[in-house]
Amino acid sequence: MDEPRLDIACPMPTGSAEVAEILLQIREQMAPLFDAADGMRRDLEARGWSPSVAEALAAQWLSRCMGGGR
């Protein structure tokens, strides 16, 4: 199956069905990153890190994976 391609340089579709389909595709592609961040947070807590620090570290990691922390 071909990977869905999203070209952010193109205008977004105006139909709600098209927008919903694109959002579902993005969600499916991002799920492994969210799962990994959740696992990282749980692992840090299990190792004795406070929940707030574990959450902050996992959020920072996720942000960098998504390109926001370069």
PDB file of N, CA and C in Angstrom:
ATOM      1  N   MET A   1       0.840  -1.174   0.000  1.00  0.00           N
ATOM      2  CA  MET A   1       0.000   0.000   0.000  1.00  0.00           C
ATOM      3  C   MET A   1       0.886   1.239   0.000  1.00  0.00           C
ATOM      4  N   ASP A   2       0.565   2.167  -0.861  1.00  0.00           N
ATOM      5  CA  ASP A   2       1.337   3.404  -0.938  1.00  0.00           C
ATOM      6  C   ASP A   2       1.122   4.236   0.308  1.00  0.00           C
ATOM      7  N   GLU A   3       2.210   4.864   0.754  1.00  0.00           N
ATOM      8  CA  GLU A   3       2.115   5.770   1.894  1.00  0.00           C
ATOM      9  C   GLU A   3       1.375   7.025   1.453  1.00  0.00           C
ATOM     10  N   PRO A   4       0.457   7.528   2.277  1.00  0.00           N
ATOM     11  CA  PRO A   4      -0.198   8.789   1.911  1.00  0.00           C
ATOM     12  C   PRO A   4       0.816   9.923   1.922  1.00  0.00           C
ATOM     13  N   ARG A   5       0.713  10.785   0.954  1.00  0.00           N
ATOM     14  CA  ARG A   5       1.623  11.921   0.866  1.00  0.00           C
ATOM     15  C   ARG A   5       0.835  13.191   1.134  1.00  0.00           C
ATOM     16  N   LEU A   6       1.333  13.966   2.038  1.00  0.00           N
ATOM     17  CA  LEU A   6       0.705  15.238   2.355  1.00  0.00           C
ATOM     18  C   LEU A   6       1.675  16.346   1.983  1.00  0.00           C
ATOM     19  N   ASP A   7       1.276  17.172   1.066  1.00  0.00           N
ATOM     20  CA  ASP A   7       2.118  18.273   0.626  1.00  0.00           C
ATOM     21  C   ASP A   7       1.603  19.546   1.282  1.00  0.00           C
ATOM     22  N   ILE A   8       2.334  20.029   2.293  1.00  0.00           N
ATOM     23  CA  ILE A   8       1.851  21.184   3.032  1.00  0.00           C
ATOM     24  C   ILE A   8       1.950  22.477   2.227  1.00  0.00           C
ATOM     25  N   ALA A   9       2.618  22.445   1.089  1.00  0.00           N
ATOM     26  CA  ALA A   9       2.702  23.635   0.248  1.00  0.00           C
ATOM     27  C   ALA A   9       1.406  23.854  -0.527  1.00  0.00           C
ATOM     28  N   CYS A  10       0.609  22.803  -0.655  1.00  0.00           N
ATOM     29  CA  CYS A  10      -0.657  22.915  -1.378  1.00  0.00           C
ATOM     30  C   CYS A  10      -1.741  23.439  -0.438  1.00  0.00           C
ATOM     31  N   PRO A  11      -2.735  24.127  -0.987  1.00  0.00           N
ATOM     32  CA  PRO A  11      -3.836  24.582  -0.148  1.00  0.00           C
ATOM     33  C   PRO A  11      -4.593  23.382   0.432  1.00  0.00           C
ATOM     34  N   MET A  12      -5.069  23.555   1.629  1.00  0.00           N
ATOM     35  CA  MET A  12      -5.840  22.480   2.264  1.00  0.00           C
ATOM     36  C   MET A  12      -7.163  22.296   1.523  1.00  0.00           C
ATOM     37  N   PRO A  13      -7.640  21.058   1.461  1.00  0.00           N
ATOM     38  CA  PRO A  13      -8.943  20.821   0.823  1.00  0.00           C
ATOM     39  C   PRO A  13     -10.041  21.511   1.632  1.00  0.00           C
ATOM     40  N   THR A  14     -11.087  21.906   0.942  1.00  0.00           N
ATOM     41  CA  THR A  14     -12.153  22.637   1.612  1.00  0.00           C
ATOM     42  C   THR A  14     -13.278  21.730   2.078  1.00  0.00           C
ATOM     43  N   GLY A  15     -13.407  20.558   1.494  1.00  0.00           N
ATOM     44  CA  GLY A  15     -14.477  19.648   1.894  1.00  0.00           C
ATOM     45  C   GLY A  15     -14.174  19.003   3.240  1.00  0.00           C
ATOM     46  N   SER A  16     -15.185  18.926   4.096  1.00  0.00           N
ATOM     47  CA  SER A  16     -14.963  18.372   5.435  1.00  0.00           C
ATOM     48  C   SER A  16     -14.567  16.901   5.377  1.00  0.00           C
ATOM     49  N   ALA A  17     -15.060  16.162   4.390  1.00  0.00           N
ATOM     50  CA  ALA A  17     -14.692  14.747   4.267  1.00  0.00           C
ATOM     51  C   ALA A  17     -13.212  14.610   3.913  1.00  0.00           C
ATOM     52  N   GLU A  18     -12.722  15.495   3.059  1.00  0.00           N
ATOM     53  CA  GLU A  18     -11.306  15.462   2.684  1.00  0.00           C
ATOM     54  C   GLU A  18     -10.421  15.813   3.875  1.00  0.00           C
ATOM     55  N   VAL A  19     -10.813  16.819   4.626  1.00  0.00           N
ATOM     56  CA  VAL A  19     -10.047  17.224   5.804  1.00  0.00           C
ATOM     57  C   VAL A  19     -10.033  16.098   6.830  1.00  0.00           C
ATOM     58  N   ALA A  20     -11.178  15.469   7.041  1.00  0.00           N
ATOM     59  CA  ALA A  20     -11.262  14.368   7.993  1.00  0.00           C
ATOM     60  C   ALA A  20     -10.365  13.209   7.574  1.00  0.00           C
ATOM     61  N   GLU A  21     -10.322  12.902   6.298  1.00  0.00           N
ATOM     62  CA  GLU A  21      -9.475  11.819   5.796  1.00  0.00           C
ATOM     63  C   GLU A  21      -7.999  12.134   6.023  1.00  0.00           C
ATOM     64  N   ILE A  22      -7.602  13.353   5.756  1.00  0.00           N
ATOM     65  CA  ILE A  22      -6.209  13.750   5.964  1.00  0.00           C
ATOM     66  C   ILE A  22      -5.846  13.670   7.437  1.00  0.00           C
ATOM     67  N   LEU A  23      -6.732  14.139   8.316  1.00  0.00           N
ATOM     68  CA  LEU A  23      -6.464  14.069   9.751  1.00  0.00           C
ATOM     69  C   LEU A  23      -6.340  12.624  10.229  1.00  0.00           C
ATOM     70  N   LEU A  24      -7.149  11.730   9.694  1.00  0.00           N
ATOM     71  CA  LEU A  24      -7.036  10.310  10.058  1.00  0.00           C
ATOM     72  C   LEU A  24      -5.701   9.733   9.588  1.00  0.00           C
ATOM     73  N   GLN A  25      -5.258  10.119   8.406  1.00  0.00           N
ATOM     74  CA  GLN A  25      -3.970   9.652   7.900  1.00  0.00           C
ATOM     75  C   GLN A  25      -2.827  10.152   8.779  1.00  0.00           C
ATOM     76  N   ILE A  26      -2.908  11.409   9.172  1.00  0.00           N
ATOM     77  CA  ILE A  26      -1.872  11.965  10.048  1.00  0.00           C
ATOM     78  C   ILE A  26      -1.870  11.234  11.376  1.00  0.00           C
ATOM     79  N   ARG A  27      -3.035  10.991  11.930  1.00  0.00           N
ATOM     80  CA  ARG A  27      -3.137  10.280  13.211  1.00  0.00           C
ATOM     81  C   ARG A  27      -2.514   8.897  13.128  1.00  0.00           C
ATOM     82  N   GLU A  28      -2.783   8.184  12.046  1.00  0.00           N
ATOM     83  CA  GLU A  28      -2.215   6.846  11.874  1.00  0.00           C
ATOM     84  C   GLU A  28      -0.689   6.900  11.776  1.00  0.00           C
ATOM     85  N   GLN A  29      -0.172   7.895  11.078  1.00  0.00           N
ATOM     86  CA  GLN A  29       1.280   8.009  10.914  1.00  0.00           C
ATOM     87  C   GLN A  29       1.968   8.450  12.200  1.00  0.00           C
ATOM     88  N   MET A  30       1.279   9.203  13.033  1.00  0.00           N
ATOM     89  CA  MET A  30       1.866   9.718  14.266  1.00  0.00           C
ATOM     90  C   MET A  30       1.730   8.744  15.439  1.00  0.00           C
ATOM     91  N   ALA A  31       0.848   7.757  15.341  1.00  0.00           N
ATOM     92  CA  ALA A  31       0.581   6.847  16.453  1.00  0.00           C
ATOM     93  C   ALA A  31       1.839   6.196  17.023  1.00  0.00           C
ATOM     94  N   PRO A  32       2.781   5.717  16.212  1.00  0.00           N
ATOM     95  CA  PRO A  32       3.984   5.125  16.793  1.00  0.00           C
ATOM     96  C   PRO A  32       4.802   6.110  17.636  1.00  0.00           C
ATOM     97  N   LEU A  33       4.827   7.370  17.237  1.00  0.00           N
ATOM     98  CA  LEU A  33       5.552   8.371  18.030  1.00  0.00           C
ATOM     99  C   LEU A  33       4.863   8.608  19.371  1.00  0.00           C
ATOM    100  N   PHE A  34       3.542   8.720  19.346  1.00  0.00           N
ATOM    101  CA  PHE A  34       2.809   8.919  20.594  1.00  0.00           C
ATOM    102  C   PHE A  34       2.977   7.715  21.517  1.00  0.00           C
ATOM    103  N   ASP A  35       2.921   6.511  20.946  1.00  0.00           N
ATOM    104  CA  ASP A  35       3.106   5.297  21.748  1.00  0.00           C
ATOM    105  C   ASP A  35       4.497   5.255  22.372  1.00  0.00           C
ATOM    106  N   ALA A  36       5.504   5.628  21.602  1.00  0.00           N
ATOM    107  CA  ALA A  36       6.874   5.633  22.122  1.00  0.00           C
ATOM    108  C   ALA A  36       7.033   6.660  23.240  1.00  0.00           C
ATOM    109  N   ALA A  37       6.429   7.839  23.076  1.00  0.00           N
ATOM    110  CA  ALA A  37       6.509   8.867  24.117  1.00  0.00           C
ATOM    111  C   ALA A  37       5.811   8.393  25.392  1.00  0.00           C
ATOM    112  N   ASP A  38       4.659   7.738  25.249  1.00  0.00           N
ATOM    113  CA  ASP A  38       3.965   7.197  26.423  1.00  0.00           C
ATOM    114  C   ASP A  38       4.811   6.144  27.122  1.00  0.00           C
ATOM    115  N   GLY A  39       5.458   5.285  26.340  1.00  0.00           N
ATOM    116  CA  GLY A  39       6.323   4.258  26.921  1.00  0.00           C
ATOM    117  C   GLY A  39       7.521   4.872  27.617  1.00  0.00           C
ATOM    118  N   MET A  40       8.088   5.910  27.031  1.00  0.00           N
ATOM    119  CA  MET A  40       9.221   6.590  27.644  1.00  0.00           C
ATOM    120  C   MET A  40       8.812   7.202  28.983  1.00  0.00           C
ATOM    121  N   ARG A  41       7.654   7.841  29.002  1.00  0.00           N
ATOM    122  CA  ARG A  41       7.162   8.451  30.237  1.00  0.00           C
ATOM    123  C   ARG A  41       6.959   7.408  31.327  1.00  0.00           C
ATOM    124  N   ARG A  42       6.321   6.287  30.974  1.00  0.00           N
ATOM    125  CA  ARG A  42       6.099   5.210  31.962  1.00  0.00           C
ATOM    126  C   ARG A  42       7.419   4.632  32.451  1.00  0.00           C
ATOM    127  N   ASP A  43       8.379   4.450  31.547  1.00  0.00           N
ATOM    128  CA  ASP A  43       9.678   3.904  31.925  1.00  0.00           C
ATOM    129  C   ASP A  43      10.417   4.849  32.877  1.00  0.00           C
ATOM    130  N   LEU A  44      10.385   6.137  32.589  1.00  0.00           N
ATOM    131  CA  LEU A  44      11.038   7.102  33.465  1.00  0.00           C
ATOM    132  C   LEU A  44      10.406   7.104  34.858  1.00  0.00           C
ATOM    133  N   GLU A  45       9.083   7.033  34.912  1.00  0.00           N
ATOM    134  CA  GLU A  45       8.403   6.981  36.203  1.00  0.00           C
ATOM    135  C   GLU A  45       8.776   5.708  36.961  1.00  0.00           C
ATOM    136  N   ALA A  46       8.867   4.593  36.244  1.00  0.00           N
ATOM    137  CA  ALA A  46       9.230   3.328  36.884  1.00  0.00           C
ATOM    138  C   ALA A  46      10.658   3.368  37.426  1.00  0.00           C
ATOM    139  N   ARG A  47      11.493   4.201  36.845  1.00  0.00           N
ATOM    140  CA  ARG A  47      12.880   4.342  37.290  1.00  0.00           C
ATOM    141  C   ARG A  47      13.039   5.386  38.398  1.00  0.00           C
ATOM    142  N   GLY A  48      11.922   5.943  38.837  1.00  0.00           N
ATOM    143  CA  GLY A  48      11.968   6.855  39.968  1.00  0.00           C
ATOM    144  C   GLY A  48      11.847   8.331  39.644  1.00  0.00           C
ATOM    145  N   TRP A  49      11.724   8.680  38.382  1.00  0.00           N
ATOM    146  CA  TRP A  49      11.542  10.086  38.028  1.00  0.00           C
ATOM    147  C   TRP A  49      10.132  10.518  38.428  1.00  0.00           C
ATOM    148  N   SER A  50       9.971  11.759  38.792  1.00  0.00           N
ATOM    149  CA  SER A  50       8.645  12.257  39.155  1.00  0.00           C
ATOM    150  C   SER A  50       7.759  12.285  37.908  1.00  0.00           C
ATOM    151  N   PRO A  51       6.450  12.129  38.093  1.00  0.00           N
ATOM    152  CA  PRO A  51       5.556  12.155  36.928  1.00  0.00           C
ATOM    153  C   PRO A  51       5.660  13.443  36.108  1.00  0.00           C
ATOM    154  N   SER A  52       5.848  14.570  36.774  1.00  0.00           N
ATOM    155  CA  SER A  52       5.919  15.827  36.022  1.00  0.00           C
ATOM    156  C   SER A  52       7.204  15.913  35.196  1.00  0.00           C
ATOM    157  N   VAL A  53       8.323  15.451  35.746  1.00  0.00           N
ATOM    158  CA  VAL A  53       9.587  15.469  34.990  1.00  0.00           C
ATOM    159  C   VAL A  53       9.515  14.452  33.853  1.00  0.00           C
ATOM    160  N   ALA A  54       8.971  13.267  34.121  1.00  0.00           N
ATOM    161  CA  ALA A  54       8.850  12.242  33.075  1.00  0.00           C
ATOM    162  C   ALA A  54       7.982  12.745  31.926  1.00  0.00           C
ATOM    163  N   GLU A  55       6.895  13.429  32.266  1.00  0.00           N
ATOM    164  CA  GLU A  55       6.007  13.981  31.242  1.00  0.00           C
ATOM    165  C   GLU A  55       6.725  15.054  30.432  1.00  0.00           C
ATOM    166  N   ALA A  56       7.464  15.915  31.101  1.00  0.00           N
ATOM    167  CA  ALA A  56       8.177  16.991  30.403  1.00  0.00           C
ATOM    168  C   ALA A  56       9.242  16.429  29.467  1.00  0.00           C
ATOM    169  N   LEU A  57       9.983  15.427  29.915  1.00  0.00           N
ATOM    170  CA  LEU A  57      11.024  14.832  29.068  1.00  0.00           C
ATOM    171  C   LEU A  57      10.413  14.132  27.864  1.00  0.00           C
ATOM    172  N   ALA A  58       9.332  13.389  28.090  1.00  0.00           N
ATOM    173  CA  ALA A  58       8.667  12.697  26.978  1.00  0.00           C
ATOM    174  C   ALA A  58       8.087  13.712  25.991  1.00  0.00           C
ATOM    175  N   ALA A  59       7.529  14.799  26.502  1.00  0.00           N
ATOM    176  CA  ALA A  59       6.970  15.826  25.618  1.00  0.00           C
ATOM    177  C   ALA A  59       8.067  16.504  24.805  1.00  0.00           C
ATOM    178  N   GLN A  60       9.208  16.752  25.435  1.00  0.00           N
ATOM    179  CA  GLN A  60      10.325  17.369  24.706  1.00  0.00           C
ATOM    180  C   GLN A  60      10.832  16.426  23.619  1.00  0.00           C
ATOM    181  N   TRP A  61      10.954  15.146  23.934  1.00  0.00           N
ATOM    182  CA  TRP A  61      11.393  14.157  22.945  1.00  0.00           C
ATOM    183  C   TRP A  61      10.409  14.113  21.777  1.00  0.00           C
ATOM    184  N   LEU A  62       9.116  14.075  22.085  1.00  0.00           N
ATOM    185  CA  LEU A  62       8.097  14.014  21.042  1.00  0.00           C
ATOM    186  C   LEU A  62       8.143  15.264  20.170  1.00  0.00           C
ATOM    187  N   SER A  63       8.314  16.408  20.790  1.00  0.00           N
ATOM    188  CA  SER A  63       8.401  17.653  20.036  1.00  0.00           C
ATOM    189  C   SER A  63       9.586  17.642  19.078  1.00  0.00           C
ATOM    190  N   ARG A  64      10.713  17.135  19.538  1.00  0.00           N
ATOM    191  CA  ARG A  64      11.898  17.071  18.670  1.00  0.00           C
ATOM    192  C   ARG A  64      11.683  16.069  17.534  1.00  0.00           C
ATOM    193  N   CYS A  65      11.007  14.972  17.829  1.00  0.00           N
ATOM    194  CA  CYS A  65      10.718  13.990  16.765  1.00  0.00           C
ATOM    195  C   CYS A  65       9.825  14.587  15.699  1.00  0.00           C
ATOM    196  N   MET A  66       8.962  15.490  16.104  1.00  0.00           N
ATOM    197  CA  MET A  66       8.023  16.102  15.163  1.00  0.00           C
ATOM    198  C   MET A  66       8.646  17.307  14.460  1.00  0.00           C
ATOM    199  N   GLY A  67       9.901  17.603  14.757  1.00  0.00           N
ATOM    200  CA  GLY A  67      10.599  18.671  14.072  1.00  0.00           C
ATOM    201  C   GLY A  67      10.522  20.021  14.739  1.00  0.00           C
ATOM    202  N   GLY A  68       9.911  20.077  15.921  1.00  0.00           N
ATOM    203  CA  GLY A  68       9.745  21.358  16.581  1.00  0.00           C
ATOM    204  C   GLY A  68      10.884  21.754  17.482  1.00  0.00           C
ATOM    205  N   GLY A  69      11.873  20.879  17.690  1.00  0.00           N
ATOM    206  CA  GLY A  69      12.907  21.209  18.639  1.00  0.00           C
ATOM    207  C   GLY A  69      14.306  21.209  18.064  1.00  0.00           C
ATOM    208  N   ARG A  70      14.407  21.440  16.783  1.00  0.00           N
ATOM    209  CA  ARG A  70      15.723  21.410  16.150  1.00  0.00           C
ATOM    210  C   ARG A  70      16.552  22.576  16.540  1.00  0.00           C
TER     211      ARG A  70
END
